[in-house]
Amino acid sequence: MCISLKSLFSRHKGIGVQFSDEPTGNLDTRTSLEVMQLLKMTTTEFGQTLVMITHNPELAQIADRMLHIEDGKITE
């Protein structure tokens, strides 16, 4: 699947969206935490939204809001 990322990002007065699919999938625990802290910091500093897909429940707990997908349907 190929997605044109330019159309997915909103850039108006510095506000935007970060899309991250398994950002820590191949990292050790310490580096995973560092990456998540950086992502969280940038969303706060730049007033951005982070849309993150993960199978890691511990990383998901960092989120302000979680949505689950089960059998192709979004659940909360």
PDB file of N, CA and C in Angstrom:
ATOM      1  N   MET A   1       0.843  -1.167   0.000  1.00  0.00           N
ATOM      2  CA  MET A   1       0.000   0.000   0.000  1.00  0.00           C
ATOM      3  C   MET A   1       0.893   1.237   0.000  1.00  0.00           C
ATOM      4  N   CYS A   2       0.552   2.215  -0.794  1.00  0.00           N
ATOM      5  CA  CYS A   2       1.304   3.454  -0.867  1.00  0.00           C
ATOM      6  C   CYS A   2       0.355   4.599  -0.542  1.00  0.00           C
ATOM      7  N   ILE A   3       0.751   5.439   0.418  1.00  0.00           N
ATOM      8  CA  ILE A   3      -0.086   6.565   0.822  1.00  0.00           C
ATOM      9  C   ILE A   3       0.725   7.840   0.641  1.00  0.00           C
ATOM     10  N   SER A   4       0.148   8.823  -0.004  1.00  0.00           N
ATOM     11  CA  SER A   4       0.805  10.113  -0.141  1.00  0.00           C
ATOM     12  C   SER A   4       0.713  10.842   1.204  1.00  0.00           C
ATOM     13  N   LEU A   5       1.839  10.985   1.885  1.00  0.00           N
ATOM     14  CA  LEU A   5       1.817  11.570   3.230  1.00  0.00           C
ATOM     15  C   LEU A   5       1.561  13.068   3.227  1.00  0.00           C
ATOM     16  N   LYS A   6       1.928  13.746   2.150  1.00  0.00           N
ATOM     17  CA  LYS A   6       1.744  15.193   2.116  1.00  0.00           C
ATOM     18  C   LYS A   6       0.302  15.584   2.394  1.00  0.00           C
ATOM     19  N   SER A   7      -0.629  14.863   1.816  1.00  0.00           N
ATOM     20  CA  SER A   7      -2.043  15.207   2.016  1.00  0.00           C
ATOM     21  C   SER A   7      -2.552  14.846   3.412  1.00  0.00           C
ATOM     22  N   LEU A   8      -1.811  14.010   4.132  1.00  0.00           N
ATOM     23  CA  LEU A   8      -2.247  13.616   5.474  1.00  0.00           C
ATOM     24  C   LEU A   8      -1.878  14.632   6.547  1.00  0.00           C
ATOM     25  N   PHE A   9      -0.895  15.487   6.273  1.00  0.00           N
ATOM     26  CA  PHE A   9      -0.404  16.408   7.281  1.00  0.00           C
ATOM     27  C   PHE A   9      -1.046  17.773   7.152  1.00  0.00           C
ATOM     28  N   SER A  10      -1.523  18.280   8.272  1.00  0.00           N
ATOM     29  CA  SER A  10      -2.108  19.607   8.309  1.00  0.00           C
ATOM     30  C   SER A  10      -1.070  20.572   8.862  1.00  0.00           C
ATOM     31  N   ARG A  11      -0.744  21.585   8.110  1.00  0.00           N
ATOM     32  CA  ARG A  11       0.246  22.580   8.559  1.00  0.00           C
ATOM     33  C   ARG A  11      -0.383  23.960   8.528  1.00  0.00           C
ATOM     34  N   HIS A  12      -0.893  24.402   9.646  1.00  0.00           N
ATOM     35  CA  HIS A  12      -1.477  25.732   9.744  1.00  0.00           C
ATOM     36  C   HIS A  12      -1.042  26.327  11.071  1.00  0.00           C
ATOM     37  N   LYS A  13      -0.262  27.369  11.007  1.00  0.00           N
ATOM     38  CA  LYS A  13       0.245  28.040  12.216  1.00  0.00           C
ATOM     39  C   LYS A  13       0.986  27.066  13.125  1.00  0.00           C
ATOM     40  N   GLY A  14       1.752  26.133  12.543  1.00  0.00           N
ATOM     41  CA  GLY A  14       2.575  25.228  13.325  1.00  0.00           C
ATOM     42  C   GLY A  14       1.857  24.020  13.882  1.00  0.00           C
ATOM     43  N   ILE A  15       0.548  23.946  13.660  1.00  0.00           N
ATOM     44  CA  ILE A  15      -0.209  22.816  14.198  1.00  0.00           C
ATOM     45  C   ILE A  15      -0.207  21.690  13.166  1.00  0.00           C
ATOM     46  N   GLY A  16      -0.025  20.486  13.615  1.00  0.00           N
ATOM     47  CA  GLY A  16       0.011  19.377  12.675  1.00  0.00           C
ATOM     48  C   GLY A  16      -0.304  18.055  13.334  1.00  0.00           C
ATOM     49  N   VAL A  17      -0.159  17.035  12.552  1.00  0.00           N
ATOM     50  CA  VAL A  17      -0.432  15.670  13.008  1.00  0.00           C
ATOM     51  C   VAL A  17       0.787  14.815  12.697  1.00  0.00           C
ATOM     52  N   GLN A  18       1.214  14.019  13.681  1.00  0.00           N
ATOM     53  CA  GLN A  18       2.277  13.037  13.478  1.00  0.00           C
ATOM     54  C   GLN A  18       1.613  11.671  13.379  1.00  0.00           C
ATOM     55  N   PHE A  19       1.948  10.919  12.337  1.00  0.00           N
ATOM     56  CA  PHE A  19       1.464   9.551  12.191  1.00  0.00           C
ATOM     57  C   PHE A  19       2.627   8.614  12.464  1.00  0.00           C
ATOM     58  N   SER A  20       2.423   7.664  13.348  1.00  0.00           N
ATOM     59  CA  SER A  20       3.507   6.767  13.723  1.00  0.00           C
ATOM     60  C   SER A  20       2.980   5.339  13.861  1.00  0.00           C
ATOM     61  N   ASP A  21       3.490   4.463  13.012  1.00  0.00           N
ATOM     62  CA  ASP A  21       3.075   3.063  13.024  1.00  0.00           C
ATOM     63  C   ASP A  21       4.160   2.234  13.695  1.00  0.00           C
ATOM     64  N   GLU A  22       3.873   1.715  14.870  1.00  0.00           N
ATOM     65  CA  GLU A  22       4.831   0.919  15.648  1.00  0.00           C
ATOM     66  C   GLU A  22       6.185   1.620  15.778  1.00  0.00           C
ATOM     67  N   PRO A  23       6.208   2.833  16.382  1.00  0.00           N
ATOM     68  CA  PRO A  23       7.458   3.602  16.441  1.00  0.00           C
ATOM     69  C   PRO A  23       8.571   2.929  17.232  1.00  0.00           C
ATOM     70  N   THR A  24       8.221   1.978  18.081  1.00  0.00           N
ATOM     71  CA  THR A  24       9.242   1.342  18.922  1.00  0.00           C
ATOM     72  C   THR A  24       9.295  -0.164  18.700  1.00  0.00           C
ATOM     73  N   GLY A  25       8.733  -0.635  17.613  1.00  0.00           N
ATOM     74  CA  GLY A  25       8.589  -2.064  17.352  1.00  0.00           C
ATOM     75  C   GLY A  25       9.864  -2.885  17.444  1.00  0.00           C
ATOM     76  N   ASN A  26      10.993  -2.334  17.013  1.00  0.00           N
ATOM     77  CA  ASN A  26      12.246  -3.099  17.004  1.00  0.00           C
ATOM     78  C   ASN A  26      13.273  -2.554  17.986  1.00  0.00           C
ATOM     79  N   LEU A  27      12.810  -1.823  18.990  1.00  0.00           N
ATOM     80  CA  LEU A  27      13.736  -1.195  19.937  1.00  0.00           C
ATOM     81  C   LEU A  27      13.709  -1.887  21.294  1.00  0.00           C
ATOM     82  N   ASP A  28      14.816  -1.750  22.030  1.00  0.00           N
ATOM     83  CA  ASP A  28      14.837  -2.268  23.398  1.00  0.00           C
ATOM     84  C   ASP A  28      13.993  -1.357  24.292  1.00  0.00           C
ATOM     85  N   THR A  29      13.743  -1.792  25.506  1.00  0.00           N
ATOM     86  CA  THR A  29      12.853  -1.088  26.422  1.00  0.00           C
ATOM     87  C   THR A  29      13.298   0.343  26.691  1.00  0.00           C
ATOM     88  N   ARG A  30      14.579   0.527  26.976  1.00  0.00           N
ATOM     89  CA  ARG A  30      15.095   1.868  27.305  1.00  0.00           C
ATOM     90  C   ARG A  30      14.947   2.824  26.125  1.00  0.00           C
ATOM     91  N   THR A  31      15.337   2.373  24.941  1.00  0.00           N
ATOM     92  CA  THR A  31      15.247   3.226  23.756  1.00  0.00           C
ATOM     93  C   THR A  31      13.793   3.495  23.407  1.00  0.00           C
ATOM     94  N   SER A  32      12.928   2.515  23.603  1.00  0.00           N
ATOM     95  CA  SER A  32      11.496   2.709  23.358  1.00  0.00           C
ATOM     96  C   SER A  32      10.938   3.831  24.218  1.00  0.00           C
ATOM     97  N   LEU A  33      11.307   3.842  25.488  1.00  0.00           N
ATOM     98  CA  LEU A  33      10.851   4.886  26.396  1.00  0.00           C
ATOM     99  C   LEU A  33      11.380   6.247  25.958  1.00  0.00           C
ATOM    100  N   GLU A  34      12.633   6.307  25.537  1.00  0.00           N
ATOM    101  CA  GLU A  34      13.216   7.569  25.063  1.00  0.00           C
ATOM    102  C   GLU A  34      12.477   8.096  23.833  1.00  0.00           C
ATOM    103  N   VAL A  35      12.183   7.201  22.894  1.00  0.00           N
ATOM    104  CA  VAL A  35      11.459   7.601  21.685  1.00  0.00           C
ATOM    105  C   VAL A  35      10.075   8.128  22.045  1.00  0.00           C
ATOM    106  N   MET A  36       9.387   7.432  22.941  1.00  0.00           N
ATOM    107  CA  MET A  36       8.052   7.868  23.340  1.00  0.00           C
ATOM    108  C   MET A  36       8.089   9.213  24.054  1.00  0.00           C
ATOM    109  N   GLN A  37       9.098   9.424  24.881  1.00  0.00           N
ATOM    110  CA  GLN A  37       9.230  10.716  25.559  1.00  0.00           C
ATOM    111  C   GLN A  37       9.456  11.836  24.545  1.00  0.00           C
ATOM    112  N   LEU A  38      10.266  11.569  23.517  1.00  0.00           N
ATOM    113  CA  LEU A  38      10.493  12.565  22.465  1.00  0.00           C
ATOM    114  C   LEU A  38       9.215  12.854  21.683  1.00  0.00           C
ATOM    115  N   LEU A  39       8.477  11.814  21.339  1.00  0.00           N
ATOM    116  CA  LEU A  39       7.222  12.012  20.621  1.00  0.00           C
ATOM    117  C   LEU A  39       6.241  12.825  21.455  1.00  0.00           C
ATOM    118  N   LYS A  40       6.129  12.491  22.731  1.00  0.00           N
ATOM    119  CA  LYS A  40       5.217  13.209  23.628  1.00  0.00           C
ATOM    120  C   LYS A  40       5.650  14.673  23.775  1.00  0.00           C
ATOM    121  N   MET A  41       6.959  14.902  23.902  1.00  0.00           N
ATOM    122  CA  MET A  41       7.483  16.257  24.050  1.00  0.00           C
ATOM    123  C   MET A  41       7.184  17.102  22.806  1.00  0.00           C
ATOM    124  N   THR A  42       7.395  16.527  21.630  1.00  0.00           N
ATOM    125  CA  THR A  42       7.165  17.305  20.412  1.00  0.00           C
ATOM    126  C   THR A  42       5.688  17.613  20.212  1.00  0.00           C
ATOM    127  N   THR A  43       4.807  16.702  20.588  1.00  0.00           N
ATOM    128  CA  THR A  43       3.382  16.987  20.452  1.00  0.00           C
ATOM    129  C   THR A  43       2.978  18.132  21.377  1.00  0.00           C
ATOM    130  N   THR A  44       3.544  18.158  22.571  1.00  0.00           N
ATOM    131  CA  THR A  44       3.239  19.234  23.512  1.00  0.00           C
ATOM    132  C   THR A  44       3.857  20.550  23.044  1.00  0.00           C
ATOM    133  N   GLU A  45       5.127  20.511  22.683  1.00  0.00           N
ATOM    134  CA  GLU A  45       5.861  21.727  22.314  1.00  0.00           C
ATOM    135  C   GLU A  45       5.294  22.382  21.054  1.00  0.00           C
ATOM    136  N   PHE A  46       4.891  21.576  20.086  1.00  0.00           N
ATOM    137  CA  PHE A  46       4.430  22.120  18.818  1.00  0.00           C
ATOM    138  C   PHE A  46       2.914  22.068  18.647  1.00  0.00           C
ATOM    139  N   GLY A  47       2.208  21.692  19.696  1.00  0.00           N
ATOM    140  CA  GLY A  47       0.752  21.641  19.648  1.00  0.00           C
ATOM    141  C   GLY A  47       0.229  20.671  18.604  1.00  0.00           C
ATOM    142  N   GLN A  48       0.865  19.516  18.511  1.00  0.00           N
ATOM    143  CA  GLN A  48       0.500  18.532  17.503  1.00  0.00           C
ATOM    144  C   GLN A  48      -0.309  17.388  18.103  1.00  0.00           C
ATOM    145  N   THR A  49      -0.912  16.656  17.220  1.00  0.00           N
ATOM    146  CA  THR A  49      -1.610  15.425  17.577  1.00  0.00           C
ATOM    147  C   THR A  49      -0.760  14.258  17.095  1.00  0.00           C
ATOM    148  N   LEU A  50      -0.636  13.243  17.906  1.00  0.00           N
ATOM    149  CA  LEU A  50       0.086  12.038  17.529  1.00  0.00           C
ATOM    150  C   LEU A  50      -0.921  10.907  17.340  1.00  0.00           C
ATOM    151  N   VAL A  51      -0.931  10.341  16.155  1.00  0.00           N
ATOM    152  CA  VAL A  51      -1.740   9.161  15.877  1.00  0.00           C
ATOM    153  C   VAL A  51      -0.752   8.005  15.808  1.00  0.00           C
ATOM    154  N   MET A  52      -0.820   7.121  16.799  1.00  0.00           N
ATOM    155  CA  MET A  52       0.154   6.043  16.911  1.00  0.00           C
ATOM    156  C   MET A  52      -0.557   4.688  16.905  1.00  0.00           C
ATOM    157  N   ILE A  53      -0.015   3.796  16.121  1.00  0.00           N
ATOM    158  CA  ILE A  53      -0.506   2.425  16.096  1.00  0.00           C
ATOM    159  C   ILE A  53       0.520   1.564  16.817  1.00  0.00           C
ATOM    160  N   THR A  54       0.060   0.777  17.786  1.00  0.00           N
ATOM    161  CA  THR A  54       0.974  -0.086  18.520  1.00  0.00           C
ATOM    162  C   THR A  54       0.243  -1.331  19.017  1.00  0.00           C
ATOM    163  N   HIS A  55       1.016  -2.384  19.187  1.00  0.00           N
ATOM    164  CA  HIS A  55       0.503  -3.595  19.822  1.00  0.00           C
ATOM    165  C   HIS A  55       1.002  -3.689  21.267  1.00  0.00           C
ATOM    166  N   ASN A  56       1.746  -2.682  21.708  1.00  0.00           N
ATOM    167  CA  ASN A  56       2.359  -2.669  23.031  1.00  0.00           C
ATOM    168  C   ASN A  56       1.444  -1.947  24.025  1.00  0.00           C
ATOM    169  N   PRO A  57       0.796  -2.673  24.936  1.00  0.00           N
ATOM    170  CA  PRO A  57      -0.131  -2.047  25.883  1.00  0.00           C
ATOM    171  C   PRO A  57       0.524  -1.017  26.803  1.00  0.00           C
ATOM    172  N   GLU A  58       1.802  -1.225  27.154  1.00  0.00           N
ATOM    173  CA  GLU A  58       2.474  -0.261  28.031  1.00  0.00           C
ATOM    174  C   GLU A  58       2.652   1.080  27.325  1.00  0.00           C
ATOM    175  N   LEU A  59       3.023   1.048  26.051  1.00  0.00           N
ATOM    176  CA  LEU A  59       3.163   2.292  25.294  1.00  0.00           C
ATOM    177  C   LEU A  59       1.811   2.958  25.096  1.00  0.00           C
ATOM    178  N   ALA A  60       0.793   2.165  24.878  1.00  0.00           N
ATOM    179  CA  ALA A  60      -0.538   2.725  24.676  1.00  0.00           C
ATOM    180  C   ALA A  60      -1.018   3.486  25.908  1.00  0.00           C
ATOM    181  N   GLN A  61      -0.575   3.084  27.090  1.00  0.00           N
ATOM    182  CA  GLN A  61      -0.991   3.755  28.327  1.00  0.00           C
ATOM    183  C   GLN A  61      -0.509   5.199  28.403  1.00  0.00           C
ATOM    184  N   ILE A  62       0.515   5.548  27.622  1.00  0.00           N
ATOM    185  CA  ILE A  62       1.031   6.919  27.609  1.00  0.00           C
ATOM    186  C   ILE A  62       0.044   7.864  26.928  1.00  0.00           C
ATOM    187  N   ALA A  63      -0.814   7.331  26.086  1.00  0.00           N
ATOM    188  CA  ALA A  63      -1.737   8.138  25.287  1.00  0.00           C
ATOM    189  C   ALA A  63      -2.775   8.846  26.141  1.00  0.00           C
ATOM    190  N   ASP A  64      -3.234   9.986  25.639  1.00  0.00           N
ATOM    191  CA  ASP A  64      -4.342  10.698  26.279  1.00  0.00           C
ATOM    192  C   ASP A  64      -5.664  10.008  25.974  1.00  0.00           C
ATOM    193  N   ARG A  65      -5.702   9.347  24.821  1.00  0.00           N
ATOM    194  CA  ARG A  65      -6.920   8.640  24.411  1.00  0.00           C
ATOM    195  C   ARG A  65      -6.522   7.411  23.611  1.00  0.00           C
ATOM    196  N   MET A  66      -7.215   6.311  23.842  1.00  0.00           N
ATOM    197  CA  MET A  66      -6.937   5.079  23.112  1.00  0.00           C
ATOM    198  C   MET A  66      -8.188   4.620  22.378  1.00  0.00           C
ATOM    199  N   LEU A  67      -7.993   4.165  21.173  1.00  0.00           N
ATOM    200  CA  LEU A  67      -9.045   3.518  20.406  1.00  0.00           C
ATOM    201  C   LEU A  67      -8.543   2.129  20.072  1.00  0.00           C
ATOM    202  N   HIS A  68      -9.400   1.172  20.136  1.00  0.00           N
ATOM    203  CA  HIS A  68      -9.038  -0.205  19.803  1.00  0.00           C
ATOM    204  C   HIS A  68      -9.771  -0.593  18.529  1.00  0.00           C
ATOM    205  N   ILE A  69      -9.108  -1.388  17.712  1.00  0.00           N
ATOM    206  CA  ILE A  69      -9.739  -1.919  16.514  1.00  0.00           C
ATOM    207  C   ILE A  69      -9.880  -3.426  16.697  1.00  0.00           C
ATOM    208  N   GLU A  70     -11.106  -3.871  16.646  1.00  0.00           N
ATOM    209  CA  GLU A  70     -11.397  -5.303  16.772  1.00  0.00           C
ATOM    210  C   GLU A  70     -12.282  -5.720  15.609  1.00  0.00           C
ATOM    211  N   ASP A  71     -11.852  -6.719  14.885  1.00  0.00           N
ATOM    212  CA  ASP A  71     -12.597  -7.218  13.742  1.00  0.00           C
ATOM    213  C   ASP A  71     -12.958  -6.107  12.750  1.00  0.00           C
ATOM    214  N   GLY A  72     -12.000  -5.184  12.569  1.00  0.00           N
ATOM    215  CA  GLY A  72     -12.191  -4.104  11.600  1.00  0.00           C
ATOM    216  C   GLY A  72     -13.063  -2.964  12.077  1.00  0.00           C
ATOM    217  N   LYS A  73     -13.478  -2.975  13.350  1.00  0.00           N
ATOM    218  CA  LYS A  73     -14.334  -1.921  13.877  1.00  0.00           C
ATOM    219  C   LYS A  73     -13.636  -1.207  15.022  1.00  0.00           C
ATOM    220  N   ILE A  74     -13.791   0.113  15.079  1.00  0.00           N
ATOM    221  CA  ILE A  74     -13.190   0.916  16.143  1.00  0.00           C
ATOM    222  C   ILE A  74     -14.049   0.796  17.396  1.00  0.00           C
ATOM    223  N   THR A  75     -13.381   0.468  18.522  1.00  0.00           N
ATOM    224  CA  THR A  75     -14.036   0.432  19.827  1.00  0.00           C
ATOM    225  C   THR A  75     -13.193   1.278  20.770  1.00  0.00           C
ATOM    226  N   GLU A  76     -13.779   1.713  21.858  1.00  0.00           N
ATOM    227  CA  GLU A  76     -13.011   2.518  22.812  1.00  0.00           C
ATOM    228  C   GLU A  76     -12.709   1.732  24.063  1.00  0.00           C
TER     229      GLU A  76
END
